[in-house]
C-alpha atoms as a PDB file:
ATOM      1  CA  UNK A   1       1.739 102.450-159.805  1.00  0.00           C
ATOM      2  CA  UNK A   2      -1.684 101.542-161.158  1.00  0.00           C
ATOM      3  CA  UNK A   3      -4.992  99.889-160.594  1.00  0.00           C
ATOM      4  CA  UNK A   4      -6.317  96.522-161.647  1.00  0.00           C
ATOM      5  CA  UNK A   5      -9.977  95.924-162.463  1.00  0.00           C
ATOM      6  CA  UNK A   6     -11.333  92.534-163.378  1.00  0.00           C
ATOM      7  CA  UNK A   7     -13.649  89.632-162.812  1.00  0.00           C
ATOM      8  CA  UNK A   8     -12.745  87.272-159.985  1.00  0.00           C
ATOM      9  CA  UNK A   9     -11.826  83.611-160.233  1.00  0.00           C
ATOM     10  CA  UNK A  10     -12.168  82.286-156.675  1.00  0.00           C
ATOM     11  CA  UNK A  11     -10.286  79.320-155.250  1.00  0.00           C
ATOM     12  CA  UNK A  12      -9.901  77.813-151.789  1.00  0.00           C
ATOM     13  CA  UNK A  13      -7.025  76.854-149.512  1.00  0.00           C
ATOM     14  CA  UNK A  14      -3.708  75.299-150.533  1.00  0.00           C
ATOM     15  CA  UNK A  15      -3.792  75.936-154.285  1.00  0.00           C
ATOM     16  CA  UNK A  16      -0.399  74.476-155.079  1.00  0.00           C
ATOM     17  CA  UNK A  17       1.957  75.095-157.957  1.00  0.00           C
ATOM     18  CA  UNK A  18       1.116  71.664-159.409  1.00  0.00           C
ATOM     19  CA  UNK A  19      -2.441  72.784-160.152  1.00  0.00           C
ATOM     20  CA  UNK A  20      -1.445  76.304-161.172  1.00  0.00           C
ATOM     21  CA  UNK A  21       0.803  74.802-163.865  1.00  0.00           C
ATOM     22  CA  UNK A  22       0.924  71.002-163.932  1.00  0.00           C
ATOM     23  CA  UNK A  23       4.393  69.418-163.969  1.00  0.00           C
ATOM     24  CA  UNK A  24       3.717  67.761-167.344  1.00  0.00           C
ATOM     25  CA  UNK A  25       4.042  71.213-168.979  1.00  0.00           C
ATOM     26  CA  UNK A  26       7.295  72.254-167.329  1.00  0.00           C
ATOM     27  CA  UNK A  27       9.258  71.250-170.425  1.00  0.00           C
ATOM     28  CA  UNK A  28       8.350  74.720-171.723  1.00  0.00           C
ATOM     29  CA  UNK A  29       9.453  78.046-170.330  1.00  0.00           C
ATOM     30  CA  UNK A  30       7.461  80.025-172.914  1.00  0.00           C
ATOM     31  CA  UNK A  31       4.965  82.203-171.011  1.00  0.00           C
ATOM     32  CA  UNK A  32       2.340  82.012-173.779  1.00  0.00           C
ATOM     33  CA  UNK A  33       2.510  78.200-173.814  1.00  0.00           C
ATOM     34  CA  UNK A  34       2.336  77.991-170.006  1.00  0.00           C
ATOM     35  CA  UNK A  35      -0.703  80.298-170.030  1.00  0.00           C
ATOM     36  CA  UNK A  36      -2.647  77.805-172.167  1.00  0.00           C
ATOM     37  CA  UNK A  37      -2.456  75.271-169.312  1.00  0.00           C
ATOM     38  CA  UNK A  38      -2.829  77.631-166.348  1.00  0.00           C
ATOM     39  CA  UNK A  39      -5.131  76.275-163.600  1.00  0.00           C
ATOM     40  CA  UNK A  40      -6.335  73.414-165.820  1.00  0.00           C
ATOM     41  CA  UNK A  41      -6.099  70.748-163.103  1.00  0.00           C
ATOM     42  CA  UNK A  42      -8.296  72.751-160.720  1.00  0.00           C
ATOM     43  CA  UNK A  43     -10.498  74.647-163.225  1.00  0.00           C
ATOM     44  CA  UNK A  44     -10.703  73.198-166.729  1.00  0.00           C
ATOM     45  CA  UNK A  45     -12.541  76.275-168.067  1.00  0.00           C
ATOM     46  CA  UNK A  46     -10.162  78.907-166.639  1.00  0.00           C
ATOM     47  CA  UNK A  47      -8.111  79.467-169.802  1.00  0.00           C
ATOM     48  CA  UNK A  48     -11.264  79.757-171.915  1.00  0.00           C
ATOM     49  CA  UNK A  49     -12.903  82.287-169.575  1.00  0.00           C
ATOM     50  CA  UNK A  50     -10.025  84.419-168.248  1.00  0.00           C
ATOM     51  CA  UNK A  51      -9.664  87.867-169.786  1.00  0.00           C
ATOM     52  CA  UNK A  52      -6.820  90.349-169.566  1.00  0.00           C
ATOM     53  CA  UNK A  53      -7.091  92.139-166.237  1.00  0.00           C
ATOM     54  CA  UNK A  54      -9.019  89.443-164.364  1.00  0.00           C
ATOM     55  CA  UNK A  55      -8.147  88.703-160.755  1.00  0.00           C
ATOM     56  CA  UNK A  56      -7.609  85.494-158.806  1.00  0.00           C
ATOM     57  CA  UNK A  57      -8.797  85.425-155.193  1.00  0.00           C
ATOM     58  CA  UNK A  58      -7.933  82.510-152.937  1.00  0.00           C
ATOM     59  CA  UNK A  59      -7.922  81.537-149.309  1.00  0.00           C
ATOM     60  CA  UNK A  60      -4.877  80.353-147.328  1.00  0.00           C
ATOM     61  CA  UNK A  61      -1.470  79.245-148.615  1.00  0.00           C
ATOM     62  CA  UNK A  62      -1.854  80.085-152.310  1.00  0.00           C
ATOM     63  CA  UNK A  63       1.123  78.876-154.366  1.00  0.00           C
ATOM     64  CA  UNK A  64       2.313  76.207-151.949  1.00  0.00           C
ATOM     65  CA  UNK A  65       4.263  73.210-153.184  1.00  0.00           C
ATOM     66  CA  UNK A  66       7.334  73.325-155.365  1.00  0.00           C
ATOM     67  CA  UNK A  67       9.270  76.518-155.910  1.00  0.00           C
ATOM     68  CA  UNK A  68       8.734  76.653-159.659  1.00  0.00           C
ATOM     69  CA  UNK A  69       8.727  80.146-161.110  1.00  0.00           C
ATOM     70  CA  UNK A  70       6.535  78.763-163.896  1.00  0.00           C
ATOM     71  CA  UNK A  71       3.426  79.151-161.669  1.00  0.00           C
ATOM     72  CA  UNK A  72       3.339  82.956-161.410  1.00  0.00           C
ATOM     73  CA  UNK A  73       4.580  83.218-165.008  1.00  0.00           C
ATOM     74  CA  UNK A  74       1.597  81.143-166.208  1.00  0.00           C
ATOM     75  CA  UNK A  75      -0.843  83.258-164.180  1.00  0.00           C
ATOM     76  CA  UNK A  76       0.574  86.540-165.466  1.00  0.00           C
ATOM     77  CA  UNK A  77       0.769  85.313-169.074  1.00  0.00           C
ATOM     78  CA  UNK A  78      -2.882  84.185-168.868  1.00  0.00           C
ATOM     79  CA  UNK A  79      -3.785  87.850-168.365  1.00  0.00           C
ATOM     80  CA  UNK A  80      -4.388  87.888-164.608  1.00  0.00           C
ATOM     81  CA  UNK A  81      -3.611  91.367-163.246  1.00  0.00           C
ATOM     82  CA  UNK A  82      -3.458  90.505-159.547  1.00  0.00           C
ATOM     83  CA  UNK A  83      -3.787  87.641-157.076  1.00  0.00           C
ATOM     84  CA  UNK A  84      -5.402  88.322-153.710  1.00  0.00           C
ATOM     85  CA  UNK A  85      -5.194  85.674-151.006  1.00  0.00           C
ATOM     86  CA  UNK A  86      -5.523  85.257-147.291  1.00  0.00           C
ATOM     87  CA  UNK A  87      -1.893  84.073-147.289  1.00  0.00           C
ATOM     88  CA  UNK A  88       0.714  83.071-149.859  1.00  0.00           C
ATOM     89  CA  UNK A  89       3.439  80.479-149.733  1.00  0.00           C
ATOM     90  CA  UNK A  90       6.620  82.507-149.229  1.00  0.00           C
ATOM     91  CA  UNK A  91       8.478  81.206-152.300  1.00  0.00           C
ATOM     92  CA  UNK A  92       5.448  81.900-154.520  1.00  0.00           C
ATOM     93  CA  UNK A  93       5.255  85.432-153.088  1.00  0.00           C
ATOM     94  CA  UNK A  94       8.902  86.064-153.927  1.00  0.00           C
ATOM     95  CA  UNK A  95       8.633  84.503-157.403  1.00  0.00           C
ATOM     96  CA  UNK A  96       5.517  86.573-158.189  1.00  0.00           C
ATOM     97  CA  UNK A  97       7.229  89.840-157.313  1.00  0.00           C
ATOM     98  CA  UNK A  98      10.377  88.766-159.189  1.00  0.00           C
ATOM     99  CA  UNK A  99       8.384  88.302-162.415  1.00  0.00           C
ATOM    100  CA  UNK A 100       6.191  91.375-161.892  1.00  0.00           C
ATOM    101  CA  UNK A 101       2.887  89.761-160.866  1.00  0.00           C
ATOM    102  CA  UNK A 102       1.132  91.896-158.226  1.00  0.00           C
ATOM    103  CA  UNK A 103      -0.107  89.889-155.239  1.00  0.00           C
ATOM    104  CA  UNK A 104      -1.807  91.134-152.090  1.00  0.00           C
ATOM    105  CA  UNK A 105      -2.449  89.393-148.796  1.00  0.00           C
ATOM    106  CA  UNK A 106      -5.803  90.413-147.337  1.00  0.00           C
ATOM    107  CA  UNK A 107      -7.770  87.847-145.290  1.00  0.00           C
ATOM    108  CA  UNK A 108     -10.910  90.023-145.210  1.00  0.00           C
ATOM    109  CA  UNK A 109     -10.985  90.412-148.992  1.00  0.00           C
ATOM    110  CA  UNK A 110     -10.377  86.689-149.488  1.00  0.00           C
ATOM    111  CA  UNK A 111     -13.436  85.986-147.334  1.00  0.00           C
ATOM    112  CA  UNK A 112     -15.634  88.790-148.710  1.00  0.00           C
ATOM    113  CA  UNK A 113     -15.128  88.331-152.448  1.00  0.00           C
ATOM    114  CA  UNK A 114     -16.866  85.637-154.476  1.00  0.00           C
ATOM    115  CA  UNK A 115     -16.348  84.036-157.867  1.00  0.00           C
ATOM    116  CA  UNK A 116     -17.604  86.341-160.610  1.00  0.00           C
ATOM    117  CA  UNK A 117     -17.462  89.561-158.561  1.00  0.00           C
ATOM    118  CA  UNK A 118     -15.934  92.603-160.225  1.00  0.00           C
ATOM    119  CA  UNK A 119     -13.027  93.897-158.163  1.00  0.00           C
ATOM    120  CA  UNK A 120     -10.732  96.910-158.355  1.00  0.00           C
ATOM    121  CA  UNK A 121      -7.329  96.956-156.678  1.00  0.00           C
ATOM    122  CA  UNK A 122      -5.424 100.185-156.072  1.00  0.00           C
ATOM    123  CA  UNK A 123      -1.799  99.090-155.766  1.00  0.00           C
ATOM    124  CA  UNK A 124      -0.648 102.430-154.325  1.00  0.00           C
ATOM    125  CA  UNK A 125      -3.034 102.382-151.361  1.00  0.00           C
ATOM    126  CA  UNK A 126      -3.744  98.659-151.027  1.00  0.00           C
ATOM    127  CA  UNK A 127      -7.503  99.384-151.220  1.00  0.00           C
ATOM    128  CA  UNK A 128      -9.485  96.498-152.705  1.00  0.00           C
ATOM    129  CA  UNK A 129     -12.999  97.433-153.835  1.00  0.00           C
ATOM    130  CA  UNK A 130     -15.616  94.805-154.559  1.00  0.00           C
ATOM    131  CA  UNK A 131     -17.614  96.747-157.143  1.00  0.00           C
ATOM    132  CA  UNK A 132     -20.275  94.038-157.268  1.00  0.00           C
ATOM    133  CA  UNK A 133     -21.084  94.227-153.545  1.00  0.00           C
ATOM    134  CA  UNK A 134     -19.986  97.807-152.845  1.00  0.00           C
ATOM    135  CA  UNK A 135     -17.515  96.761-150.148  1.00  0.00           C
ATOM    136  CA  UNK A 136     -13.900  97.752-149.529  1.00  0.00           C
ATOM    137  CA  UNK A 137     -10.962  96.054-147.885  1.00  0.00           C
ATOM    138  CA  UNK A 138      -7.519  97.344-146.887  1.00  0.00           C
ATOM    139  CA  UNK A 139      -4.724  95.142-148.159  1.00  0.00           C
ATOM    140  CA  UNK A 140      -1.039  95.760-147.696  1.00  0.00           C
ATOM    141  CA  UNK A 141       0.222  98.337-150.202  1.00  0.00           C
ATOM    142  CA  UNK A 142       3.542  97.549-151.851  1.00  0.00           C
ATOM    143  CA  UNK A 143       6.585  99.485-150.656  1.00  0.00           C
ATOM    144  CA  UNK A 144       7.957 101.826-153.355  1.00  0.00           C
ATOM    145  CA  UNK A 145      10.853  99.535-154.351  1.00  0.00           C
ATOM    146  CA  UNK A 146       8.448  96.608-154.937  1.00  0.00           C
ATOM    147  CA  UNK A 147       6.157  98.890-156.954  1.00  0.00           C
ATOM    148  CA  UNK A 148       9.156  99.733-159.138  1.00  0.00           C
ATOM    149  CA  UNK A 149       9.947  96.037-159.683  1.00  0.00           C
ATOM    150  CA  UNK A 150       6.329  95.282-160.647  1.00  0.00           C
ATOM    151  CA  UNK A 151       6.097  98.379-162.880  1.00  0.00           C
ATOM    152  CA  UNK A 152       9.262  97.209-164.669  1.00  0.00           C
ATOM    153  CA  UNK A 153       7.552  93.830-165.300  1.00  0.00           C
ATOM    154  CA  UNK A 154       9.948  92.006-162.993  1.00  0.00           C
ATOM    155  CA  UNK A 155      13.249  92.084-161.141  1.00  0.00           C
ATOM    156  CA  UNK A 156      15.492  91.416-164.154  1.00  0.00           C
ATOM    157  CA  UNK A 157      13.934  94.261-166.154  1.00  0.00           C
ATOM    158  CA  UNK A 158      14.178  96.511-163.089  1.00  0.00           C
ATOM    159  CA  UNK A 159      17.880  95.770-162.643  1.00  0.00           C
ATOM    160  CA  UNK A 160      18.592  96.152-166.350  1.00  0.00           C
ATOM    161  CA  UNK A 161      16.806  99.529-166.455  1.00  0.00           C
ATOM    162  CA  UNK A 162      18.915 100.831-163.557  1.00  0.00           C
ATOM    163  CA  UNK A 163      22.181  99.871-165.270  1.00  0.00           C
ATOM    164  CA  UNK A 164      21.592 102.160-168.257  1.00  0.00           C
END
């Protein structure tokens, strides 16, 4: 698959889909439009500071709340290359994989990485390297079929590519 390298935006427990993409913007399904409002209710400066490749790190239960697919779409469209959390809400986890957003559960990394750290994630091995602190963590690597879905930029693209 590939690696992700970026600056970390760190959040705490129970970051729900309502703060990832507030309900008042759900009248749009355009990824670029959703990206302009990503995280604004929890971090007003996120969209101004996030750069392509950056990484979100959070504590427990990231993506809880409603099952809206808009949340991982907004994160991916904002340029985030990976989300690392202690745990994810199950529906968010599934939606993220379905749209091709890499996410990794790793409690040790969630605790050992701080806002502003530079982090590298190797999706093949699950190794998360905090380049700022010189520490490494072992997250769960994706099984090959999930790597193929993410590499195809989502489940629909993956299925369509297999039908040709």
